């Protein structure tokens, strides 16, 4: 379980970084914040955050509890 959670954490962290860079490249200083690509990228960014947090918690719990549950 810990290995799966750690892999999910790693992959979602990479996706978070890639989407964040893409969002920074796509959105400009004079661009409307409600543009369609921005909305999609912001939603994807939030999805990766909600994947990263539980997988990190599961990974840490598995590491420190060492299967004692």
PDB file of N, CA and C in Angstrom:
ATOM      1  N   UNK A   1       0.821  -1.196   0.000  1.00  0.00           N
ATOM      2  CA  UNK A   1       0.000   0.000   0.000  1.00  0.00           C
ATOM      3  C   UNK A   1       0.865   1.261   0.000  1.00  0.00           C
ATOM      4  N   UNK A   2       1.938   1.234   0.784  1.00  0.00           N
ATOM      5  CA  UNK A   2       2.809   2.409   0.856  1.00  0.00           C
ATOM      6  C   UNK A   2       3.483   2.670  -0.481  1.00  0.00           C
ATOM      7  N   UNK A   3       3.917   1.605  -1.160  1.00  0.00           N
ATOM      8  CA  UNK A   3       4.581   1.786  -2.456  1.00  0.00           C
ATOM      9  C   UNK A   3       3.626   2.368  -3.492  1.00  0.00           C
ATOM     10  N   UNK A   4       2.383   1.912  -3.470  1.00  0.00           N
ATOM     11  CA  UNK A   4       1.395   2.437  -4.412  1.00  0.00           C
ATOM     12  C   UNK A   4       1.130   3.908  -4.130  1.00  0.00           C
ATOM     13  N   UNK A   5       0.955   4.250  -2.857  1.00  0.00           N
ATOM     14  CA  UNK A   5       0.698   5.649  -2.487  1.00  0.00           C
ATOM     15  C   UNK A   5       1.891   6.530  -2.837  1.00  0.00           C
ATOM     16  N   UNK A   6       3.099   6.006  -2.659  1.00  0.00           N
ATOM     17  CA  UNK A   6       4.294   6.785  -2.987  1.00  0.00           C
ATOM     18  C   UNK A   6       4.387   7.021  -4.489  1.00  0.00           C
ATOM     19  N   UNK A   7       4.093   6.002  -5.283  1.00  0.00           N
ATOM     20  CA  UNK A   7       4.120   6.172  -6.740  1.00  0.00           C
ATOM     21  C   UNK A   7       3.061   7.170  -7.205  1.00  0.00           C
ATOM     22  N   UNK A   8       1.868   7.073  -6.631  1.00  0.00           N
ATOM     23  CA  UNK A   8       0.816   8.031  -6.981  1.00  0.00           C
ATOM     24  C   UNK A   8       1.256   9.438  -6.615  1.00  0.00           C
ATOM     25  N   UNK A   9       1.889   9.591  -5.449  1.00  0.00           N
ATOM     26  CA  UNK A   9       2.379  10.896  -5.014  1.00  0.00           C
ATOM     27  C   UNK A   9       3.419  11.437  -5.989  1.00  0.00           C
ATOM     28  N   UNK A  10       4.340  10.602  -6.412  1.00  0.00           N
ATOM     29  CA  UNK A  10       5.396  11.040  -7.332  1.00  0.00           C
ATOM     30  C   UNK A  10       4.802  11.458  -8.674  1.00  0.00           C
ATOM     31  N   UNK A  11       3.934  10.624  -9.239  1.00  0.00           N
ATOM     32  CA  UNK A  11       3.362  10.935 -10.549  1.00  0.00           C
ATOM     33  C   UNK A  11       2.462  12.166 -10.503  1.00  0.00           C
ATOM     34  N   UNK A  12       1.676  12.291  -9.452  1.00  0.00           N
ATOM     35  CA  UNK A  12       0.811  13.468  -9.370  1.00  0.00           C
ATOM     36  C   UNK A  12       1.613  14.733  -9.088  1.00  0.00           C
ATOM     37  N   UNK A  13       2.742  14.613  -8.399  1.00  0.00           N
ATOM     38  CA  UNK A  13       3.606  15.778  -8.196  1.00  0.00           C
ATOM     39  C   UNK A  13       4.228  16.226  -9.516  1.00  0.00           C
ATOM     40  N   UNK A  14       4.625  15.268 -10.339  1.00  0.00           N
ATOM     41  CA  UNK A  14       5.164  15.603 -11.663  1.00  0.00           C
ATOM     42  C   UNK A  14       4.081  16.259 -12.516  1.00  0.00           C
ATOM     43  N   UNK A  15       2.868  15.707 -12.475  1.00  0.00           N
ATOM     44  CA  UNK A  15       1.760  16.299 -13.228  1.00  0.00           C
ATOM     45  C   UNK A  15       1.449  17.705 -12.721  1.00  0.00           C
ATOM     46  N   UNK A  16       1.513  17.905 -11.408  1.00  0.00           N
ATOM     47  CA  UNK A  16       1.271  19.229 -10.829  1.00  0.00           C
ATOM     48  C   UNK A  16       2.289  20.239 -11.350  1.00  0.00           C
ATOM     49  N   UNK A  17       3.545  19.851 -11.381  1.00  0.00           N
ATOM     50  CA  UNK A  17       4.583  20.747 -11.889  1.00  0.00           C
ATOM     51  C   UNK A  17       4.399  21.057 -13.362  1.00  0.00           C
ATOM     52  N   UNK A  18       4.080  20.034 -14.154  1.00  0.00           N
ATOM     53  CA  UNK A  18       3.899  20.238 -15.593  1.00  0.00           C
ATOM     54  C   UNK A  18       2.690  21.129 -15.877  1.00  0.00           C
ATOM     55  N   UNK A  19       1.592  20.887 -15.183  1.00  0.00           N
ATOM     56  CA  UNK A  19       0.398  21.707 -15.392  1.00  0.00           C
ATOM     57  C   UNK A  19       0.645  23.137 -14.916  1.00  0.00           C
ATOM     58  N   UNK A  20       1.376  23.296 -13.816  1.00  0.00           N
ATOM     59  CA  UNK A  20       1.695  24.634 -13.327  1.00  0.00           C
ATOM     60  C   UNK A  20       2.540  25.421 -14.308  1.00  0.00           C
ATOM     61  N   UNK A  21       3.537  24.769 -14.901  1.00  0.00           N
ATOM     62  CA  UNK A  21       4.371  25.435 -15.903  1.00  0.00           C
ATOM     63  C   UNK A  21       3.538  25.776 -17.134  1.00  0.00           C
ATOM     64  N   UNK A  22       2.706  24.849 -17.565  1.00  0.00           N
ATOM     65  CA  UNK A  22       1.842  25.091 -18.719  1.00  0.00           C
ATOM     66  C   UNK A  22       0.879  26.246 -18.454  1.00  0.00           C
ATOM     67  N   UNK A  23       0.346  26.306 -17.256  1.00  0.00           N
ATOM     68  CA  UNK A  23      -0.557  27.406 -16.898  1.00  0.00           C
ATOM     69  C   UNK A  23       0.177  28.736 -16.917  1.00  0.00           C
ATOM     70  N   UNK A  24       1.410  28.752 -16.444  1.00  0.00           N
ATOM     71  CA  UNK A  24       2.194  29.987 -16.453  1.00  0.00           C
ATOM     72  C   UNK A  24       2.520  30.419 -17.882  1.00  0.00           C
ATOM     73  N   UNK A  25       2.741  29.459 -18.773  1.00  0.00           N
ATOM     74  CA  UNK A  25       3.042  29.795 -20.161  1.00  0.00           C
ATOM     75  C   UNK A  25       1.813  30.254 -20.936  1.00  0.00           C
ATOM     76  N   UNK A  26       0.670  29.644 -20.660  1.00  0.00           N
ATOM     77  CA  UNK A  26      -0.545  29.950 -21.412  1.00  0.00           C
ATOM     78  C   UNK A  26      -1.155  31.278 -20.978  1.00  0.00           C
ATOM     79  N   UNK A  27      -1.186  31.529 -19.684  1.00  0.00           N
ATOM     80  CA  UNK A  27      -1.821  32.764 -19.213  1.00  0.00           C
ATOM     81  C   UNK A  27      -0.818  33.903 -19.242  1.00  0.00           C
ATOM     82  N   UNK A  28      -1.236  34.992 -19.830  1.00  0.00           N
ATOM     83  CA  UNK A  28      -0.371  36.155 -19.938  1.00  0.00           C
ATOM     84  C   UNK A  28      -0.848  37.271 -19.027  1.00  0.00           C
ATOM     85  N   UNK A  29      -0.095  38.352 -18.956  1.00  0.00           N
ATOM     86  CA  UNK A  29      -0.476  39.448 -18.066  1.00  0.00           C
ATOM     87  C   UNK A  29      -1.736  40.192 -18.513  1.00  0.00           C
ATOM     88  N   UNK A  30      -2.016  40.226 -19.801  1.00  0.00           N
ATOM     89  CA  UNK A  30      -3.178  40.958 -20.307  1.00  0.00           C
ATOM     90  C   UNK A  30      -4.299  40.038 -20.762  1.00  0.00           C
ATOM     91  N   UNK A  31      -4.249  38.783 -20.344  1.00  0.00           N
ATOM     92  CA  UNK A  31      -5.244  37.819 -20.801  1.00  0.00           C
ATOM     93  C   UNK A  31      -6.365  37.690 -19.772  1.00  0.00           C
ATOM     94  N   UNK A  32      -7.560  37.430 -20.263  1.00  0.00           N
ATOM     95  CA  UNK A  32      -8.717  37.240 -19.398  1.00  0.00           C
ATOM     96  C   UNK A  32      -8.537  35.969 -18.572  1.00  0.00           C
ATOM     97  N   UNK A  33      -8.783  36.056 -17.269  1.00  0.00           N
ATOM     98  CA  UNK A  33      -8.621  34.892 -16.398  1.00  0.00           C
ATOM     99  C   UNK A  33      -9.698  33.841 -16.617  1.00  0.00           C
ATOM    100  N   UNK A  34     -10.780  34.199 -17.264  1.00  0.00           N
ATOM    101  CA  UNK A  34     -11.857  33.251 -17.509  1.00  0.00           C
ATOM    102  C   UNK A  34     -11.759  32.589 -18.874  1.00  0.00           C
ATOM    103  N   UNK A  35     -10.616  32.679 -19.523  1.00  0.00           N
ATOM    104  CA  UNK A  35     -10.424  32.020 -20.815  1.00  0.00           C
ATOM    105  C   UNK A  35     -10.491  30.508 -20.622  1.00  0.00           C
ATOM    106  N   UNK A  36     -10.971  29.812 -21.635  1.00  0.00           N
ATOM    107  CA  UNK A  36     -11.191  28.371 -21.532  1.00  0.00           C
ATOM    108  C   UNK A  36      -9.929  27.573 -21.179  1.00  0.00           C
ATOM    109  N   UNK A  37      -8.775  27.811 -21.819  1.00  0.00           N
ATOM    110  CA  UNK A  37      -7.586  27.035 -21.422  1.00  0.00           C
ATOM    111  C   UNK A  37      -7.193  27.265 -19.963  1.00  0.00           C
ATOM    112  N   UNK A  38      -7.353  28.487 -19.483  1.00  0.00           N
ATOM    113  CA  UNK A  38      -7.016  28.771 -18.091  1.00  0.00           C
ATOM    114  C   UNK A  38      -7.923  28.020 -17.128  1.00  0.00           C
ATOM    115  N   UNK A  39      -9.212  27.982 -17.429  1.00  0.00           N
ATOM    116  CA  UNK A  39     -10.152  27.279 -16.555  1.00  0.00           C
ATOM    117  C   UNK A  39      -9.852  25.790 -16.505  1.00  0.00           C
ATOM    118  N   UNK A  40      -9.565  25.209 -17.650  1.00  0.00           N
ATOM    119  CA  UNK A  40      -9.257  23.778 -17.698  1.00  0.00           C
ATOM    120  C   UNK A  40      -7.975  23.484 -16.929  1.00  0.00           C
ATOM    121  N   UNK A  41      -6.943  24.298 -17.144  1.00  0.00           N
ATOM    122  CA  UNK A  41      -5.678  24.069 -16.452  1.00  0.00           C
ATOM    123  C   UNK A  41      -5.808  24.291 -14.950  1.00  0.00           C
ATOM    124  N   UNK A  42      -6.591  25.272 -14.533  1.00  0.00           N
ATOM    125  CA  UNK A  42      -6.797  25.497 -13.098  1.00  0.00           C
ATOM    126  C   UNK A  42      -7.529  24.320 -12.461  1.00  0.00           C
ATOM    127  N   UNK A  43      -8.505  23.765 -13.180  1.00  0.00           N
ATOM    128  CA  UNK A  43      -9.213  22.594 -12.654  1.00  0.00           C
ATOM    129  C   UNK A  43      -8.281  21.392 -12.562  1.00  0.00           C
ATOM    130  N   UNK A  44      -7.444  21.197 -13.577  1.00  0.00           N
ATOM    131  CA  UNK A  44      -6.479  20.095 -13.533  1.00  0.00           C
ATOM    132  C   UNK A  44      -5.482  20.287 -12.400  1.00  0.00           C
ATOM    133  N   UNK A  45      -5.077  21.526 -12.169  1.00  0.00           N
ATOM    134  CA  UNK A  45      -4.150  21.822 -11.081  1.00  0.00           C
ATOM    135  C   UNK A  45      -4.778  21.481  -9.730  1.00  0.00           C
ATOM    136  N   UNK A  46      -6.040  21.831  -9.547  1.00  0.00           N
ATOM    137  CA  UNK A  46      -6.728  21.517  -8.295  1.00  0.00           C
ATOM    138  C   UNK A  46      -6.931  20.010  -8.136  1.00  0.00           C
ATOM    139  N   UNK A  47      -7.206  19.315  -9.231  1.00  0.00           N
ATOM    140  CA  UNK A  47      -7.358  17.860  -9.166  1.00  0.00           C
ATOM    141  C   UNK A  47      -6.065  17.218  -8.693  1.00  0.00           C
ATOM    142  N   UNK A  48      -4.924  17.673  -9.233  1.00  0.00           N
ATOM    143  CA  UNK A  48      -3.653  17.086  -8.808  1.00  0.00           C
ATOM    144  C   UNK A  48      -3.363  17.396  -7.347  1.00  0.00           C
ATOM    145  N   UNK A  49      -3.773  18.565  -6.867  1.00  0.00           N
ATOM    146  CA  UNK A  49      -3.584  18.879  -5.443  1.00  0.00           C
ATOM    147  C   UNK A  49      -4.380  17.907  -4.586  1.00  0.00           C
ATOM    148  N   UNK A  50      -5.624  17.639  -4.976  1.00  0.00           N
ATOM    149  CA  UNK A  50      -6.457  16.734  -4.193  1.00  0.00           C
ATOM    150  C   UNK A  50      -6.031  15.275  -4.338  1.00  0.00           C
ATOM    151  N   UNK A  51      -5.185  14.962  -5.292  1.00  0.00           N
ATOM    152  CA  UNK A  51      -4.594  13.625  -5.382  1.00  0.00           C
ATOM    153  C   UNK A  51      -3.307  13.572  -4.571  1.00  0.00           C
ATOM    154  N   UNK A  52      -2.518  14.650  -4.611  1.00  0.00           N
ATOM    155  CA  UNK A  52      -1.236  14.689  -3.913  1.00  0.00           C
ATOM    156  C   UNK A  52      -1.418  14.586  -2.403  1.00  0.00           C
ATOM    157  N   UNK A  53      -2.335  15.349  -1.848  1.00  0.00           N
ATOM    158  CA  UNK A  53      -2.475  15.403  -0.393  1.00  0.00           C
ATOM    159  C   UNK A  53      -2.831  14.050   0.237  1.00  0.00           C
ATOM    160  N   UNK A  54      -3.866  13.336  -0.233  1.00  0.00           N
ATOM    161  CA  UNK A  54      -4.153  12.036   0.385  1.00  0.00           C
ATOM    162  C   UNK A  54      -3.069  10.996   0.131  1.00  0.00           C
ATOM    163  N   UNK A  55      -2.465  11.018  -1.054  1.00  0.00           N
ATOM    164  CA  UNK A  55      -1.426  10.021  -1.318  1.00  0.00           C
ATOM    165  C   UNK A  55      -0.195  10.288  -0.462  1.00  0.00           C
ATOM    166  N   UNK A  56       0.118  11.557  -0.204  1.00  0.00           N
ATOM    167  CA  UNK A  56       1.224  11.883   0.693  1.00  0.00           C
ATOM    168  C   UNK A  56       0.910  11.420   2.110  1.00  0.00           C
ATOM    169  N   UNK A  57      -0.316  11.652   2.547  1.00  0.00           N
ATOM    170  CA  UNK A  57      -0.713  11.216   3.887  1.00  0.00           C
ATOM    171  C   UNK A  57      -0.654   9.696   4.010  1.00  0.00           C
ATOM    172  N   UNK A  58      -1.116   8.982   2.989  1.00  0.00           N
ATOM    173  CA  UNK A  58      -1.053   7.517   3.024  1.00  0.00           C
ATOM    174  C   UNK A  58       0.383   7.020   3.014  1.00  0.00           C
ATOM    175  N   UNK A  59       1.222   7.673   2.242  1.00  0.00           N
ATOM    176  CA  UNK A  59       2.622   7.279   2.175  1.00  0.00           C
ATOM    177  C   UNK A  59       3.314   7.481   3.517  1.00  0.00           C
ATOM    178  N   UNK A  60       3.080   8.626   4.143  1.00  0.00           N
ATOM    179  CA  UNK A  60       3.692   8.901   5.446  1.00  0.00           C
ATOM    180  C   UNK A  60       3.123   7.992   6.526  1.00  0.00           C
ATOM    181  N   UNK A  61       1.823   7.753   6.495  1.00  0.00           N
ATOM    182  CA  UNK A  61       1.216   6.866   7.485  1.00  0.00           C
ATOM    183  C   UNK A  61       1.765   5.456   7.345  1.00  0.00           C
ATOM    184  N   UNK A  62       1.912   4.993   6.121  1.00  0.00           N
ATOM    185  CA  UNK A  62       2.475   3.666   5.911  1.00  0.00           C
ATOM    186  C   UNK A  62       3.915   3.569   6.367  1.00  0.00           C
ATOM    187  N   UNK A  63       4.657   4.641   6.199  1.00  0.00           N
ATOM    188  CA  UNK A  63       6.063   4.644   6.604  1.00  0.00           C
ATOM    189  C   UNK A  63       6.200   4.622   8.119  1.00  0.00           C
ATOM    190  N   UNK A  64       5.437   5.461   8.807  1.00  0.00           N
ATOM    191  CA  UNK A  64       5.600   5.589  10.248  1.00  0.00           C
ATOM    192  C   UNK A  64       4.824   4.556  11.047  1.00  0.00           C
ATOM    193  N   UNK A  65       3.703   4.094  10.534  1.00  0.00           N
ATOM    194  CA  UNK A  65       2.954   3.069  11.246  1.00  0.00           C
ATOM    195  C   UNK A  65       3.511   1.681  10.979  1.00  0.00           C
ATOM    196  N   UNK A  66       4.208   1.536   9.871  1.00  0.00           N
ATOM    197  CA  UNK A  66       4.884   0.277   9.532  1.00  0.00           C
ATOM    198  C   UNK A  66       3.937  -0.922   9.546  1.00  0.00           C
ATOM    199  N   UNK A  67       2.725  -0.728   9.066  1.00  0.00           N
ATOM    200  CA  UNK A  67       1.767  -1.821   8.972  1.00  0.00           C
ATOM    201  C   UNK A  67       1.217  -2.278  10.306  1.00  0.00           C
ATOM    202  N   UNK A  68       1.156  -1.414  11.315  1.00  0.00           N
ATOM    203  CA  UNK A  68       0.683  -1.794  12.645  1.00  0.00           C
ATOM    204  C   UNK A  68      -0.824  -1.694  12.795  1.00  0.00           C
ATOM    205  N   UNK A  69      -1.525  -1.261  11.752  1.00  0.00           N
ATOM    206  CA  UNK A  69      -2.978  -1.152  11.856  1.00  0.00           C
ATOM    207  C   UNK A  69      -3.646  -2.476  11.660  1.00  0.00           C
TER     208      UNK A  69
END
